[in-house]
Amino acid sequence: MAALRQKRALFDRLVVECAALHDAHSFNKCPGALNNAGLAFNHTYTKHYPLLHQVFRKKGATLAAMVAAMRPPEGCESLSEAEAVAYFQQAATGE
């Protein structure tokens, strides 16, 4: 019972903190569903945004360059998450 009260308090705090954020054009500033599933979805969906923003800036902050950077390397049909992160880290640092 105490855990549920603590969870409710955390989600209540999340609502307040989300409402205080500036409006974003690319994603909702608050989870679409205020429950564990909504929070997990948003975390999974956005956890690499900072890295992708670094890539965007490193590539000259143009849409065309970012789209080109997001294409997988030659010969790769798909990448695991770890491989994709390593690929984008390399693109972000230029190494």
C-alpha atoms as a PDB file:
ATOM      1  CA  MET A   1       0.000   0.000   0.000  1.00  0.00           C
ATOM      2  CA  ALA A   2       2.837   2.412   0.821  1.00  0.00           C
ATOM      3  CA  ALA A   3       4.463   1.646  -2.537  1.00  0.00           C
ATOM      4  CA  LEU A   4       1.248   2.537  -4.374  1.00  0.00           C
ATOM      5  CA  ARG A   5       1.007   5.844  -2.493  1.00  0.00           C
ATOM      6  CA  GLN A   6       4.628   6.620  -3.348  1.00  0.00           C
ATOM      7  CA  LYS A   7       4.019   5.730  -6.991  1.00  0.00           C
ATOM      8  CA  ARG A   8       0.938   7.984  -7.106  1.00  0.00           C
ATOM      9  CA  ALA A   9       2.943  10.821  -5.559  1.00  0.00           C
ATOM     10  CA  LEU A  10       5.668  10.403  -8.196  1.00  0.00           C
ATOM     11  CA  PHE A  11       3.149  10.445 -11.051  1.00  0.00           C
ATOM     12  CA  ASP A  12       1.472  13.512  -9.526  1.00  0.00           C
ATOM     13  CA  ARG A  13       4.872  15.216  -9.436  1.00  0.00           C
ATOM     14  CA  LEU A  14       5.475  14.165 -13.057  1.00  0.00           C
ATOM     15  CA  VAL A  15       2.243  15.885 -14.114  1.00  0.00           C
ATOM     16  CA  VAL A  16       3.310  19.122 -12.417  1.00  0.00           C
ATOM     17  CA  GLU A  17       6.832  19.024 -13.861  1.00  0.00           C
ATOM     18  CA  CYS A  18       5.573  18.182 -17.370  1.00  0.00           C
ATOM     19  CA  ALA A  19       3.121  21.066 -17.280  1.00  0.00           C
ATOM     20  CA  ALA A  20       5.998  23.430 -16.447  1.00  0.00           C
ATOM     21  CA  LEU A  21       7.990  22.476 -19.567  1.00  0.00           C
ATOM     22  CA  HIS A  22       7.964  24.600 -22.709  1.00  0.00           C
ATOM     23  CA  ASP A  23       5.858  23.185 -25.513  1.00  0.00           C
ATOM     24  CA  ALA A  24       7.861  20.860 -27.737  1.00  0.00           C
ATOM     25  CA  HIS A  25       7.212  20.518 -31.438  1.00  0.00           C
ATOM     26  CA  SER A  26       8.564  17.010 -31.910  1.00  0.00           C
ATOM     27  CA  PHE A  27       7.032  15.099 -29.015  1.00  0.00           C
ATOM     28  CA  ASN A  28       4.564  15.406 -26.161  1.00  0.00           C
ATOM     29  CA  LYS A  29       6.076  16.902 -23.078  1.00  0.00           C
ATOM     30  CA  CYS A  30       4.143  14.471 -20.861  1.00  0.00           C
ATOM     31  CA  PRO A  31       3.579  10.737 -21.273  1.00  0.00           C
ATOM     32  CA  GLY A  32       0.450   9.925 -23.259  1.00  0.00           C
ATOM     33  CA  ALA A  33      -0.654   7.584 -20.484  1.00  0.00           C
ATOM     34  CA  LEU A  34       0.197   8.381 -16.886  1.00  0.00           C
ATOM     35  CA  ASN A  35       0.996   4.842 -15.841  1.00  0.00           C
ATOM     36  CA  ASN A  36       3.957   2.474 -15.933  1.00  0.00           C
ATOM     37  CA  ALA A  37       3.404   1.568 -19.589  1.00  0.00           C
ATOM     38  CA  GLY A  38       3.187   5.201 -20.729  1.00  0.00           C
ATOM     39  CA  LEU A  39       6.304   6.140 -18.803  1.00  0.00           C
ATOM     40  CA  ALA A  40       8.250   3.133 -20.108  1.00  0.00           C
ATOM     41  CA  PHE A  41       7.203   3.878 -23.701  1.00  0.00           C
ATOM     42  CA  ASN A  42       8.315   7.509 -23.469  1.00  0.00           C
ATOM     43  CA  HIS A  43      11.607   6.552 -21.844  1.00  0.00           C
ATOM     44  CA  THR A  44      12.364   3.954 -24.511  1.00  0.00           C
ATOM     45  CA  TYR A  45      11.314   6.241 -27.351  1.00  0.00           C
ATOM     46  CA  THR A  46      13.320   9.270 -26.223  1.00  0.00           C
ATOM     47  CA  LYS A  47      16.361   7.927 -24.374  1.00  0.00           C
ATOM     48  CA  HIS A  48      18.720   8.495 -27.318  1.00  0.00           C
ATOM     49  CA  TYR A  49      17.411  11.966 -28.268  1.00  0.00           C
ATOM     50  CA  PRO A  50      20.466  13.722 -26.730  1.00  0.00           C
ATOM     51  CA  LEU A  51      22.841  11.543 -28.780  1.00  0.00           C
ATOM     52  CA  LEU A  52      20.864  12.135 -31.978  1.00  0.00           C
ATOM     53  CA  HIS A  53      20.885  15.869 -31.281  1.00  0.00           C
ATOM     54  CA  GLN A  54      24.689  15.708 -31.003  1.00  0.00           C
ATOM     55  CA  VAL A  55      24.804  13.957 -34.385  1.00  0.00           C
ATOM     56  CA  PHE A  56      22.494  16.610 -35.858  1.00  0.00           C
ATOM     57  CA  ARG A  57      24.772  19.405 -34.653  1.00  0.00           C
ATOM     58  CA  LYS A  58      27.969  17.628 -35.717  1.00  0.00           C
ATOM     59  CA  LYS A  59      26.558  17.089 -39.214  1.00  0.00           C
ATOM     60  CA  GLY A  60      25.808  20.800 -39.658  1.00  0.00           C
ATOM     61  CA  ALA A  61      22.279  20.965 -38.246  1.00  0.00           C
ATOM     62  CA  THR A  62      20.582  20.291 -41.566  1.00  0.00           C
ATOM     63  CA  LEU A  63      17.787  17.855 -42.217  1.00  0.00           C
ATOM     64  CA  ALA A  64      19.482  16.385 -45.289  1.00  0.00           C
ATOM     65  CA  ALA A  65      22.694  15.662 -43.393  1.00  0.00           C
ATOM     66  CA  MET A  66      20.779  14.109 -40.499  1.00  0.00           C
ATOM     67  CA  VAL A  67      18.750  11.858 -42.786  1.00  0.00           C
ATOM     68  CA  ALA A  68      21.984  10.741 -44.452  1.00  0.00           C
ATOM     69  CA  ALA A  69      23.580  10.074 -41.041  1.00  0.00           C
ATOM     70  CA  MET A  70      20.612   7.963 -39.974  1.00  0.00           C
ATOM     71  CA  ARG A  71      20.990   5.542 -42.869  1.00  0.00           C
ATOM     72  CA  PRO A  72      22.648   2.314 -41.730  1.00  0.00           C
ATOM     73  CA  PRO A  73      26.209   1.638 -42.856  1.00  0.00           C
ATOM     74  CA  GLU A  74      26.691  -0.186 -46.190  1.00  0.00           C
ATOM     75  CA  GLY A  75      25.915  -3.865 -45.914  1.00  0.00           C
ATOM     76  CA  CYS A  76      23.908  -3.620 -42.698  1.00  0.00           C
ATOM     77  CA  GLU A  77      20.277  -4.645 -42.906  1.00  0.00           C
ATOM     78  CA  SER A  78      19.662  -3.920 -39.251  1.00  0.00           C
ATOM     79  CA  LEU A  79      21.583  -2.987 -36.137  1.00  0.00           C
ATOM     80  CA  SER A  80      21.063  -3.931 -32.520  1.00  0.00           C
ATOM     81  CA  GLU A  81      20.445  -1.038 -30.148  1.00  0.00           C
ATOM     82  CA  ALA A  82      24.037  -1.245 -28.885  1.00  0.00           C
ATOM     83  CA  GLU A  83      25.407  -1.235 -32.451  1.00  0.00           C
ATOM     84  CA  ALA A  84      23.193   1.704 -33.411  1.00  0.00           C
ATOM     85  CA  VAL A  85      24.306   3.662 -30.331  1.00  0.00           C
ATOM     86  CA  ALA A  86      27.965   2.980 -31.169  1.00  0.00           C
ATOM     87  CA  TYR A  87      27.330   4.053 -34.784  1.00  0.00           C
ATOM     88  CA  PHE A  88      25.719   7.325 -33.693  1.00  0.00           C
ATOM     89  CA  GLN A  89      28.376   7.979 -31.041  1.00  0.00           C
ATOM     90  CA  GLN A  90      30.971   7.727 -33.796  1.00  0.00           C
ATOM     91  CA  ALA A  91      28.912  10.080 -35.973  1.00  0.00           C
ATOM     92  CA  ALA A  92      28.544  12.531 -33.076  1.00  0.00           C
ATOM     93  CA  THR A  93      32.280  12.677 -32.399  1.00  0.00           C
ATOM     94  CA  GLY A  94      33.440  12.437 -35.994  1.00  0.00           C
ATOM     95  CA  GLU A  95      35.858   9.622 -35.156  1.00  0.00           C
END
